[in-house]
Amino acid sequence: MAGMSPLDTSKLQLVQELEIEMMSDMYNRMTAACHRKCIPPKYKDAELGKGESVCLDRCIAKYLDIHERIGKKLTQLSMQDEEFMKKMQADQQQKT
């Protein structure tokens, strides 16, 4: 981070904190959803059964896959919006 202005450093830190918060939220939601779906409310054994383990593995894999797909789509939409805004600004500058 040498050579970065204090404003850039604070922006980078804010982005990092938001990323950590987002990942923590995703982990908590995933844990709750998969636990609710795969593990019965009344425990019979202290250890997970094979069916529960398989269900958790699949649930987590699906959750992470969807999270990744949504992230890619949002990035794509954000880039399209940015390109549109640049085009609109260029059109406005040409008119003046």
PDB file of N, CA and C in Angstrom:
ATOM      1  N   MET A   1       0.808  -1.183   0.000  1.00  0.00           N
ATOM      2  CA  MET A   1       0.000   0.000   0.000  1.00  0.00           C
ATOM      3  C   MET A   1       0.857   1.255   0.000  1.00  0.00           C
ATOM      4  N   ALA A   2       2.170   1.088  -0.199  1.00  0.00           N
ATOM      5  CA  ALA A   2       3.051   2.243  -0.257  1.00  0.00           C
ATOM      6  C   ALA A   2       2.677   3.116  -1.445  1.00  0.00           C
ATOM      7  N   GLY A   3       2.669   4.425  -1.227  1.00  0.00           N
ATOM      8  CA  GLY A   3       2.347   5.342  -2.307  1.00  0.00           C
ATOM      9  C   GLY A   3       0.862   5.629  -2.462  1.00  0.00           C
ATOM     10  N   MET A   4       0.026   4.973  -1.683  1.00  0.00           N
ATOM     11  CA  MET A   4      -1.406   5.220  -1.771  1.00  0.00           C
ATOM     12  C   MET A   4      -1.771   6.391  -0.863  1.00  0.00           C
ATOM     13  N   SER A   5      -2.700   7.208  -1.317  1.00  0.00           N
ATOM     14  CA  SER A   5      -3.150   8.320  -0.495  1.00  0.00           C
ATOM     15  C   SER A   5      -3.977   7.789   0.673  1.00  0.00           C
ATOM     16  N   PRO A   6      -4.104   8.569   1.741  1.00  0.00           N
ATOM     17  CA  PRO A   6      -4.905   8.115   2.891  1.00  0.00           C
ATOM     18  C   PRO A   6      -6.363   7.830   2.506  1.00  0.00           C
ATOM     19  N   LEU A   7      -6.883   8.598   1.534  1.00  0.00           N
ATOM     20  CA  LEU A   7      -8.252   8.374   1.087  1.00  0.00           C
ATOM     21  C   LEU A   7      -8.381   7.020   0.407  1.00  0.00           C
ATOM     22  N   ASP A   8      -7.410   6.685  -0.461  1.00  0.00           N
ATOM     23  CA  ASP A   8      -7.427   5.378  -1.131  1.00  0.00           C
ATOM     24  C   ASP A   8      -7.294   4.242  -0.118  1.00  0.00           C
ATOM     25  N   THR A   9      -6.447   4.442   0.876  1.00  0.00           N
ATOM     26  CA  THR A   9      -6.249   3.426   1.914  1.00  0.00           C
ATOM     27  C   THR A   9      -7.531   3.217   2.708  1.00  0.00           C
ATOM     28  N   SER A  10      -8.212   4.302   3.053  1.00  0.00           N
ATOM     29  CA  SER A  10      -9.453   4.164   3.821  1.00  0.00           C
ATOM     30  C   SER A  10     -10.541   3.516   2.975  1.00  0.00           C
ATOM     31  N   LYS A  11     -10.591   3.824   1.677  1.00  0.00           N
ATOM     32  CA  LYS A  11     -11.566   3.177   0.791  1.00  0.00           C
ATOM     33  C   LYS A  11     -11.283   1.678   0.701  1.00  0.00           C
ATOM     34  N   LEU A  12     -10.013   1.327   0.556  1.00  0.00           N
ATOM     35  CA  LEU A  12      -9.629  -0.080   0.471  1.00  0.00           C
ATOM     36  C   LEU A  12      -9.999  -0.812   1.757  1.00  0.00           C
ATOM     37  N   GLN A  13      -9.761  -0.178   2.890  1.00  0.00           N
ATOM     38  CA  GLN A  13     -10.104  -0.793   4.172  1.00  0.00           C
ATOM     39  C   GLN A  13     -11.613  -0.978   4.289  1.00  0.00           C
ATOM     40  N   LEU A  14     -12.390   0.002   3.848  1.00  0.00           N
ATOM     41  CA  LEU A  14     -13.844  -0.103   3.888  1.00  0.00           C
ATOM     42  C   LEU A  14     -14.323  -1.256   3.011  1.00  0.00           C
ATOM     43  N   VAL A  15     -13.755  -1.367   1.819  1.00  0.00           N
ATOM     44  CA  VAL A  15     -14.123  -2.458   0.908  1.00  0.00           C
ATOM     45  C   VAL A  15     -13.783  -3.805   1.550  1.00  0.00           C
ATOM     46  N   GLN A  16     -12.623  -3.895   2.193  1.00  0.00           N
ATOM     47  CA  GLN A  16     -12.228  -5.141   2.849  1.00  0.00           C
ATOM     48  C   GLN A  16     -13.180  -5.491   3.983  1.00  0.00           C
ATOM     49  N   GLU A  17     -13.573  -4.499   4.768  1.00  0.00           N
ATOM     50  CA  GLU A  17     -14.500  -4.742   5.876  1.00  0.00           C
ATOM     51  C   GLU A  17     -15.868  -5.183   5.358  1.00  0.00           C
ATOM     52  N   LEU A  18     -16.327  -4.553   4.278  1.00  0.00           N
ATOM     53  CA  LEU A  18     -17.607  -4.945   3.699  1.00  0.00           C
ATOM     54  C   LEU A  18     -17.550  -6.365   3.149  1.00  0.00           C
ATOM     55  N   GLU A  19     -16.435  -6.725   2.546  1.00  0.00           N
ATOM     56  CA  GLU A  19     -16.258  -8.082   2.016  1.00  0.00           C
ATOM     57  C   GLU A  19     -16.300  -9.110   3.141  1.00  0.00           C
ATOM     58  N   ILE A  20     -15.630  -8.810   4.243  1.00  0.00           N
ATOM     59  CA  ILE A  20     -15.630  -9.722   5.393  1.00  0.00           C
ATOM     60  C   ILE A  20     -17.035  -9.853   5.955  1.00  0.00           C
ATOM     61  N   GLU A  21     -17.739  -8.735   6.077  1.00  0.00           N
ATOM     62  CA  GLU A  21     -19.101  -8.755   6.591  1.00  0.00           C
ATOM     63  C   GLU A  21     -20.023  -9.564   5.676  1.00  0.00           C
ATOM     64  N   MET A  22     -19.869  -9.379   4.363  1.00  0.00           N
ATOM     65  CA  MET A  22     -20.690 -10.101   3.399  1.00  0.00           C
ATOM     66  C   MET A  22     -20.418 -11.606   3.467  1.00  0.00           C
ATOM     67  N   MET A  23     -19.157 -11.990   3.545  1.00  0.00           N
ATOM     68  CA  MET A  23     -18.813 -13.409   3.600  1.00  0.00           C
ATOM     69  C   MET A  23     -19.297 -14.033   4.912  1.00  0.00           C
ATOM     70  N   SER A  24     -19.200 -13.291   5.996  1.00  0.00           N
ATOM     71  CA  SER A  24     -19.677 -13.778   7.284  1.00  0.00           C
ATOM     72  C   SER A  24     -21.189 -13.987   7.247  1.00  0.00           C
ATOM     73  N   ASP A  25     -21.903 -13.040   6.651  1.00  0.00           N
ATOM     74  CA  ASP A  25     -23.354 -13.160   6.523  1.00  0.00           C
ATOM     75  C   ASP A  25     -23.727 -14.365   5.661  1.00  0.00           C
ATOM     76  N   MET A  26     -23.008 -14.534   4.542  1.00  0.00           N
ATOM     77  CA  MET A  26     -23.285 -15.673   3.662  1.00  0.00           C
ATOM     78  C   MET A  26     -23.035 -16.989   4.406  1.00  0.00           C
ATOM     79  N   TYR A  27     -21.947 -17.067   5.154  1.00  0.00           N
ATOM     80  CA  TYR A  27     -21.626 -18.282   5.909  1.00  0.00           C
ATOM     81  C   TYR A  27     -22.718 -18.582   6.937  1.00  0.00           C
ATOM     82  N   ASN A  28     -23.158 -17.555   7.654  1.00  0.00           N
ATOM     83  CA  ASN A  28     -24.201 -17.760   8.671  1.00  0.00           C
ATOM     84  C   ASN A  28     -25.519 -18.203   8.044  1.00  0.00           C
ATOM     85  N   ARG A  29     -25.885 -17.590   6.916  1.00  0.00           N
ATOM     86  CA  ARG A  29     -27.123 -17.985   6.240  1.00  0.00           C
ATOM     87  C   ARG A  29     -27.028 -19.412   5.699  1.00  0.00           C
ATOM     88  N   MET A  30     -25.884 -19.739   5.108  1.00  0.00           N
ATOM     89  CA  MET A  30     -25.674 -21.070   4.556  1.00  0.00           C
ATOM     90  C   MET A  30     -25.731 -22.118   5.669  1.00  0.00           C
ATOM     91  N   THR A  31     -25.064 -21.839   6.770  1.00  0.00           N
ATOM     92  CA  THR A  31     -25.044 -22.775   7.892  1.00  0.00           C
ATOM     93  C   THR A  31     -26.461 -23.026   8.418  1.00  0.00           C
ATOM     94  N   ALA A  32     -27.210 -21.941   8.610  1.00  0.00           N
ATOM     95  CA  ALA A  32     -28.573 -22.080   9.123  1.00  0.00           C
ATOM     96  C   ALA A  32     -29.473 -22.835   8.141  1.00  0.00           C
ATOM     97  N   ALA A  33     -29.390 -22.478   6.855  1.00  0.00           N
ATOM     98  CA  ALA A  33     -30.245 -23.118   5.845  1.00  0.00           C
ATOM     99  C   ALA A  33     -29.933 -24.599   5.703  1.00  0.00           C
ATOM    100  N   CYS A  34     -28.664 -24.928   5.623  1.00  0.00           N
ATOM    101  CA  CYS A  34     -28.287 -26.332   5.430  1.00  0.00           C
ATOM    102  C   CYS A  34     -28.539 -27.155   6.698  1.00  0.00           C
ATOM    103  N   HIS A  35     -28.343 -26.554   7.848  1.00  0.00           N
ATOM    104  CA  HIS A  35     -28.637 -27.259   9.103  1.00  0.00           C
ATOM    105  C   HIS A  35     -30.131 -27.569   9.191  1.00  0.00           C
ATOM    106  N   ARG A  36     -30.943 -26.577   8.867  1.00  0.00           N
ATOM    107  CA  ARG A  36     -32.398 -26.741   8.905  1.00  0.00           C
ATOM    108  C   ARG A  36     -32.858 -27.823   7.920  1.00  0.00           C
ATOM    109  N   LYS A  37     -32.219 -27.853   6.755  1.00  0.00           N
ATOM    110  CA  LYS A  37     -32.631 -28.784   5.698  1.00  0.00           C
ATOM    111  C   LYS A  37     -32.133 -30.209   5.935  1.00  0.00           C
ATOM    112  N   CYS A  38     -30.935 -30.352   6.472  1.00  0.00           N
ATOM    113  CA  CYS A  38     -30.278 -31.666   6.487  1.00  0.00           C
ATOM    114  C   CYS A  38     -30.239 -32.383   7.840  1.00  0.00           C
ATOM    115  N   ILE A  39     -30.423 -31.646   8.923  1.00  0.00           N
ATOM    116  CA  ILE A  39     -30.282 -32.274  10.235  1.00  0.00           C
ATOM    117  C   ILE A  39     -31.610 -32.184  10.975  1.00  0.00           C
ATOM    118  N   PRO A  40     -32.166 -33.341  11.366  1.00  0.00           N
ATOM    119  CA  PRO A  40     -33.450 -33.316  12.067  1.00  0.00           C
ATOM    120  C   PRO A  40     -33.327 -32.590  13.419  1.00  0.00           C
ATOM    121  N   PRO A  41     -34.426 -31.982  13.864  1.00  0.00           N
ATOM    122  CA  PRO A  41     -34.372 -31.201  15.106  1.00  0.00           C
ATOM    123  C   PRO A  41     -34.056 -32.038  16.351  1.00  0.00           C
ATOM    124  N   LYS A  42     -34.418 -33.311  16.337  1.00  0.00           N
ATOM    125  CA  LYS A  42     -34.105 -34.179  17.482  1.00  0.00           C
ATOM    126  C   LYS A  42     -32.918 -35.063  17.113  1.00  0.00           C
ATOM    127  N   TYR A  43     -31.814 -34.841  17.815  1.00  0.00           N
ATOM    128  CA  TYR A  43     -30.600 -35.600  17.531  1.00  0.00           C
ATOM    129  C   TYR A  43     -30.694 -37.002  18.112  1.00  0.00           C
ATOM    130  N   LYS A  44     -30.327 -37.998  17.306  1.00  0.00           N
ATOM    131  CA  LYS A  44     -30.301 -39.388  17.770  1.00  0.00           C
ATOM    132  C   LYS A  44     -28.883 -39.790  18.155  1.00  0.00           C
ATOM    133  N   ASP A  45     -27.907 -39.246  17.421  1.00  0.00           N
ATOM    134  CA  ASP A  45     -26.501 -39.568  17.670  1.00  0.00           C
ATOM    135  C   ASP A  45     -25.706 -38.275  17.820  1.00  0.00           C
ATOM    136  N   ALA A  46     -24.558 -38.411  18.455  1.00  0.00           N
ATOM    137  CA  ALA A  46     -23.674 -37.254  18.612  1.00  0.00           C
ATOM    138  C   ALA A  46     -22.972 -36.922  17.294  1.00  0.00           C
ATOM    139  N   GLU A  47     -22.794 -37.923  16.448  1.00  0.00           N
ATOM    140  CA  GLU A  47     -22.098 -37.736  15.165  1.00  0.00           C
ATOM    141  C   GLU A  47     -23.121 -37.637  14.027  1.00  0.00           C
ATOM    142  N   LEU A  48     -22.706 -37.002  12.927  1.00  0.00           N
ATOM    143  CA  LEU A  48     -23.563 -36.930  11.745  1.00  0.00           C
ATOM    144  C   LEU A  48     -23.654 -38.298  11.082  1.00  0.00           C
ATOM    145  N   GLY A  49     -24.830 -38.629  10.606  1.00  0.00           N
ATOM    146  CA  GLY A  49     -24.997 -39.861   9.845  1.00  0.00           C
ATOM    147  C   GLY A  49     -24.532 -39.645   8.405  1.00  0.00           C
ATOM    148  N   LYS A  50     -24.399 -40.733   7.665  1.00  0.00           N
ATOM    149  CA  LYS A  50     -23.943 -40.635   6.277  1.00  0.00           C
ATOM    150  C   LYS A  50     -24.900 -39.781   5.441  1.00  0.00           C
ATOM    151  N   GLY A  51     -26.199 -40.010   5.588  1.00  0.00           N
ATOM    152  CA  GLY A  51     -27.187 -39.234   4.837  1.00  0.00           C
ATOM    153  C   GLY A  51     -27.119 -37.753   5.167  1.00  0.00           C
ATOM    154  N   GLU A  52     -26.939 -37.429   6.445  1.00  0.00           N
ATOM    155  CA  GLU A  52     -26.821 -36.027   6.857  1.00  0.00           C
ATOM    156  C   GLU A  52     -25.566 -35.377   6.262  1.00  0.00           C
ATOM    157  N   SER A  53     -24.463 -36.118   6.289  1.00  0.00           N
ATOM    158  CA  SER A  53     -23.203 -35.601   5.741  1.00  0.00           C
ATOM    159  C   SER A  53     -23.313 -35.331   4.246  1.00  0.00           C
ATOM    160  N   VAL A  54     -23.903 -36.292   3.522  1.00  0.00           N
ATOM    161  CA  VAL A  54     -24.081 -36.134   2.078  1.00  0.00           C
ATOM    162  C   VAL A  54     -24.994 -34.941   1.792  1.00  0.00           C
ATOM    163  N   CYS A  55     -26.078 -34.834   2.550  1.00  0.00           N
ATOM    164  CA  CYS A  55     -27.008 -33.724   2.369  1.00  0.00           C
ATOM    165  C   CYS A  55     -26.296 -32.392   2.613  1.00  0.00           C
ATOM    166  N   LEU A  56     -25.511 -32.298   3.680  1.00  0.00           N
ATOM    167  CA  LEU A  56     -24.784 -31.063   3.983  1.00  0.00           C
ATOM    168  C   LEU A  56     -23.788 -30.718   2.878  1.00  0.00           C
ATOM    169  N   ASP A  57     -23.058 -31.737   2.394  1.00  0.00           N
ATOM    170  CA  ASP A  57     -22.092 -31.495   1.311  1.00  0.00           C
ATOM    171  C   ASP A  57     -22.782 -30.928   0.077  1.00  0.00           C
ATOM    172  N   ARG A  58     -23.887 -31.529  -0.301  1.00  0.00           N
ATOM    173  CA  ARG A  58     -24.623 -31.066  -1.488  1.00  0.00           C
ATOM    174  C   ARG A  58     -25.225 -29.686  -1.264  1.00  0.00           C
ATOM    175  N   CYS A  59     -25.790 -29.469  -0.096  1.00  0.00           N
ATOM    176  CA  CYS A  59     -26.410 -28.185   0.215  1.00  0.00           C
ATOM    177  C   CYS A  59     -25.370 -27.059   0.154  1.00  0.00           C
ATOM    178  N   ILE A  60     -24.234 -27.285   0.761  1.00  0.00           N
ATOM    179  CA  ILE A  60     -23.178 -26.264   0.773  1.00  0.00           C
ATOM    180  C   ILE A  60     -22.653 -26.024  -0.632  1.00  0.00           C
ATOM    181  N   ALA A  61     -22.459 -27.101  -1.395  1.00  0.00           N
ATOM    182  CA  ALA A  61     -21.974 -26.947  -2.776  1.00  0.00           C
ATOM    183  C   ALA A  61     -22.959 -26.125  -3.604  1.00  0.00           C
ATOM    184  N   LYS A  62     -24.244 -26.405  -3.472  1.00  0.00           N
ATOM    185  CA  LYS A  62     -25.262 -25.647  -4.212  1.00  0.00           C
ATOM    186  C   LYS A  62     -25.288 -24.197  -3.758  1.00  0.00           C
ATOM    187  N   TYR A  63     -25.222 -23.978  -2.462  1.00  0.00           N
ATOM    188  CA  TYR A  63     -25.269 -22.617  -1.916  1.00  0.00           C
ATOM    189  C   TYR A  63     -24.103 -21.790  -2.451  1.00  0.00           C
ATOM    190  N   LEU A  64     -22.893 -22.364  -2.405  1.00  0.00           N
ATOM    191  CA  LEU A  64     -21.715 -21.645  -2.884  1.00  0.00           C
ATOM    192  C   LEU A  64     -21.759 -21.424  -4.393  1.00  0.00           C
ATOM    193  N   ASP A  65     -22.280 -22.408  -5.139  1.00  0.00           N
ATOM    194  CA  ASP A  65     -22.404 -22.269  -6.589  1.00  0.00           C
ATOM    195  C   ASP A  65     -23.340 -21.117  -6.939  1.00  0.00           C
ATOM    196  N   ILE A  66     -24.481 -21.071  -6.284  1.00  0.00           N
ATOM    197  CA  ILE A  66     -25.444 -20.000  -6.544  1.00  0.00           C
ATOM    198  C   ILE A  66     -24.869 -18.652  -6.132  1.00  0.00           C
ATOM    199  N   HIS A  67     -24.172 -18.618  -5.002  1.00  0.00           N
ATOM    200  CA  HIS A  67     -23.546 -17.371  -4.547  1.00  0.00           C
ATOM    201  C   HIS A  67     -22.547 -16.860  -5.593  1.00  0.00           C
ATOM    202  N   GLU A  68     -21.758 -17.765  -6.152  1.00  0.00           N
ATOM    203  CA  GLU A  68     -20.788 -17.391  -7.183  1.00  0.00           C
ATOM    204  C   GLU A  68     -21.488 -16.901  -8.454  1.00  0.00           C
ATOM    205  N   ARG A  69     -22.541 -17.607  -8.875  1.00  0.00           N
ATOM    206  CA  ARG A  69     -23.283 -17.192 -10.076  1.00  0.00           C
ATOM    207  C   ARG A  69     -23.904 -15.808  -9.908  1.00  0.00           C
ATOM    208  N   ILE A  70     -24.494 -15.568  -8.750  1.00  0.00           N
ATOM    209  CA  ILE A  70     -25.107 -14.263  -8.487  1.00  0.00           C
ATOM    210  C   ILE A  70     -24.038 -13.175  -8.494  1.00  0.00           C
ATOM    211  N   GLY A  71     -22.896 -13.452  -7.883  1.00  0.00           N
ATOM    212  CA  GLY A  71     -21.802 -12.482  -7.867  1.00  0.00           C
ATOM    213  C   GLY A  71     -21.337 -12.130  -9.268  1.00  0.00           C
ATOM    214  N   LYS A  72     -21.200 -13.137 -10.127  1.00  0.00           N
ATOM    215  CA  LYS A  72     -20.782 -12.888 -11.509  1.00  0.00           C
ATOM    216  C   LYS A  72     -21.822 -12.066 -12.262  1.00  0.00           C
ATOM    217  N   LYS A  73     -23.089 -12.388 -12.057  1.00  0.00           N
ATOM    218  CA  LYS A  73     -24.166 -11.661 -12.746  1.00  0.00           C
ATOM    219  C   LYS A  73     -24.218 -10.203 -12.275  1.00  0.00           C
ATOM    220  N   LEU A  74     -24.074  -9.987 -10.974  1.00  0.00           N
ATOM    221  CA  LEU A  74     -24.084  -8.621 -10.447  1.00  0.00           C
ATOM    222  C   LEU A  74     -22.886  -7.823 -10.971  1.00  0.00           C
ATOM    223  N   THR A  75     -21.741  -8.460 -11.075  1.00  0.00           N
ATOM    224  CA  THR A  75     -20.561  -7.794 -11.630  1.00  0.00           C
ATOM    225  C   THR A  75     -20.808  -7.418 -13.083  1.00  0.00           C
ATOM    226  N   GLN A  76     -21.392  -8.338 -13.840  1.00  0.00           N
ATOM    227  CA  GLN A  76     -21.700  -8.081 -15.244  1.00  0.00           C
ATOM    228  C   GLN A  76     -22.679  -6.908 -15.368  1.00  0.00           C
ATOM    229  N   LEU A  77     -23.723  -6.907 -14.575  1.00  0.00           N
ATOM    230  CA  LEU A  77     -24.702  -5.821 -14.617  1.00  0.00           C
ATOM    231  C   LEU A  77     -24.073  -4.486 -14.212  1.00  0.00           C
ATOM    232  N   SER A  78     -23.216  -4.533 -13.225  1.00  0.00           N
ATOM    233  CA  SER A  78     -22.539  -3.315 -12.770  1.00  0.00           C
ATOM    234  C   SER A  78     -21.648  -2.747 -13.872  1.00  0.00           C
ATOM    235  N   MET A  79     -20.954  -3.617 -14.584  1.00  0.00           N
ATOM    236  CA  MET A  79     -20.094  -3.168 -15.687  1.00  0.00           C
ATOM    237  C   MET A  79     -20.936  -2.577 -16.817  1.00  0.00           C
ATOM    238  N   GLN A  80     -22.088  -3.191 -17.102  1.00  0.00           N
ATOM    239  CA  GLN A  80     -22.977  -2.662 -18.133  1.00  0.00           C
ATOM    240  C   GLN A  80     -23.498  -1.288 -17.733  1.00  0.00           C
ATOM    241  N   ASP A  81     -23.863  -1.126 -16.472  1.00  0.00           N
ATOM    242  CA  ASP A  81     -24.335   0.168 -15.977  1.00  0.00           C
ATOM    243  C   ASP A  81     -23.239   1.226 -16.094  1.00  0.00           C
ATOM    244  N   GLU A  82     -22.030   0.829 -15.755  1.00  0.00           N
ATOM    245  CA  GLU A  82     -20.902   1.763 -15.823  1.00  0.00           C
ATOM    246  C   GLU A  82     -20.652   2.199 -17.272  1.00  0.00           C
ATOM    247  N   GLU A  83     -20.700   1.251 -18.197  1.00  0.00           N
ATOM    248  CA  GLU A  83     -20.517   1.584 -19.614  1.00  0.00           C
ATOM    249  C   GLU A  83     -21.636   2.497 -20.104  1.00  0.00           C
ATOM    250  N   PHE A  84     -22.866   2.232 -19.677  1.00  0.00           N
ATOM    251  CA  PHE A  84     -23.999   3.058 -20.051  1.00  0.00           C
ATOM    252  C   PHE A  84     -23.833   4.485 -19.527  1.00  0.00           C
ATOM    253  N   MET A  85     -23.399   4.607 -18.281  1.00  0.00           N
ATOM    254  CA  MET A  85     -23.205   5.937 -17.692  1.00  0.00           C
ATOM    255  C   MET A  85     -22.099   6.703 -18.430  1.00  0.00           C
ATOM    256  N   LYS A  86     -21.026   6.020 -18.786  1.00  0.00           N
ATOM    257  CA  LYS A  86     -19.949   6.675 -19.540  1.00  0.00           C
ATOM    258  C   LYS A  86     -20.454   7.151 -20.892  1.00  0.00           C
ATOM    259  N   LYS A  87     -21.274   6.330 -21.541  1.00  0.00           N
ATOM    260  CA  LYS A  87     -21.827   6.708 -22.840  1.00  0.00           C
ATOM    261  C   LYS A  87     -22.746   7.914 -22.685  1.00  0.00           C
ATOM    262  N   MET A  88     -23.575   7.923 -21.648  1.00  0.00           N
ATOM    263  CA  MET A  88     -24.484   9.044 -21.403  1.00  0.00           C
ATOM    264  C   MET A  88     -23.691  10.336 -21.139  1.00  0.00           C
ATOM    265  N   GLN A  89     -22.614  10.242 -20.373  1.00  0.00           N
ATOM    266  CA  GLN A  89     -21.782  11.410 -20.091  1.00  0.00           C
ATOM    267  C   GLN A  89     -21.124  11.918 -21.367  1.00  0.00           C
ATOM    268  N   ALA A  90     -20.652  11.002 -22.204  1.00  0.00           N
ATOM    269  CA  ALA A  90     -20.034  11.395 -23.467  1.00  0.00           C
ATOM    270  C   ALA A  90     -21.057  12.089 -24.369  1.00  0.00           C
ATOM    271  N   ASP A  91     -22.279  11.559 -24.413  1.00  0.00           N
ATOM    272  CA  ASP A  91     -23.346  12.173 -25.213  1.00  0.00           C
ATOM    273  C   ASP A  91     -23.677  13.569 -24.675  1.00  0.00           C
ATOM    274  N   GLN A  92     -23.711  13.724 -23.374  1.00  0.00           N
ATOM    275  CA  GLN A  92     -24.003  15.029 -22.774  1.00  0.00           C
ATOM    276  C   GLN A  92     -22.904  16.028 -23.095  1.00  0.00           C
ATOM    277  N   GLN A  93     -21.649  15.576 -23.065  1.00  0.00           N
ATOM    278  CA  GLN A  93     -20.536  16.484 -23.379  1.00  0.00           C
ATOM    279  C   GLN A  93     -20.547  16.888 -24.830  1.00  0.00           C
ATOM    280  N   GLN A  94     -20.985  16.004 -25.722  1.00  0.00           N
ATOM    281  CA  GLN A  94     -21.046  16.341 -27.140  1.00  0.00           C
ATOM    282  C   GLN A  94     -22.134  17.379 -27.418  1.00  0.00           C
ATOM    283  N   LYS A  95     -23.200  17.337 -26.647  1.00  0.00           N
ATOM    284  CA  LYS A  95     -24.306  18.269 -26.843  1.00  0.00           C
ATOM    285  C   LYS A  95     -23.954  19.670 -26.367  1.00  0.00           C
ATOM    286  N   THR A  96     -23.046  19.774 -25.418  1.00  0.00           N
ATOM    287  CA  THR A  96     -22.700  21.114 -24.897  1.00  0.00           C
ATOM    288  C   THR A  96     -21.516  21.720 -25.572  1.00  0.00           C
TER     289      THR A  96
END
